[in-house]
Amino acid sequence: MKPSEKIKLFIVDDHQMMIDGIVSLLKGEKNIEITGTALNGIDALKKIETFLPDILLTDMSMPEMGGIELCKEAKQKYPQLKILVLTMYNDREIVNEILSVGANGYILKNTGKEELLEAIETLNQNKNFYSSEVVN
């Protein structure tokens, strides 16, 4: 990515208020452009093809298609896509499962803006990121 280019972020969560909150939180960030949103994995896969984001920020637990299936299918179709999971689940088995299907990062919903920005920047540099709580 060139310094002048923005990180294209696509947000998936089954709660509109969560999406609105993330959009509001990141609205003033000069290097991040939110290219689209979806309320479930099926809708997200359709829209990703149009918006071609750099990073997919997704919840784990959603109706119709959850985060694990979305991650698996998105990585198969778009191997260059970075996936950051934002969830309330801090369980070793769930973390291992989501990482095994190609997620590049895992942060908890109780995180703050700074950690979210750090995660997005880290993934954009082709590195993985995990919340400190998850690592512990």
Foldseek 3Di string as FASTA:
>chain_A
DDPQAAQEEEEEALDVVVVVVVCVLCVPPNRYDDQYYYNALVVVVVCCVVRVGQEYEYEADGPPHGDLRSLLVCCVVPVNHAYEYEYQDLDPVVVVSSVVSPHQEYEYNVDDSVLVVVQSVQVVVVHGYYPPSSVD
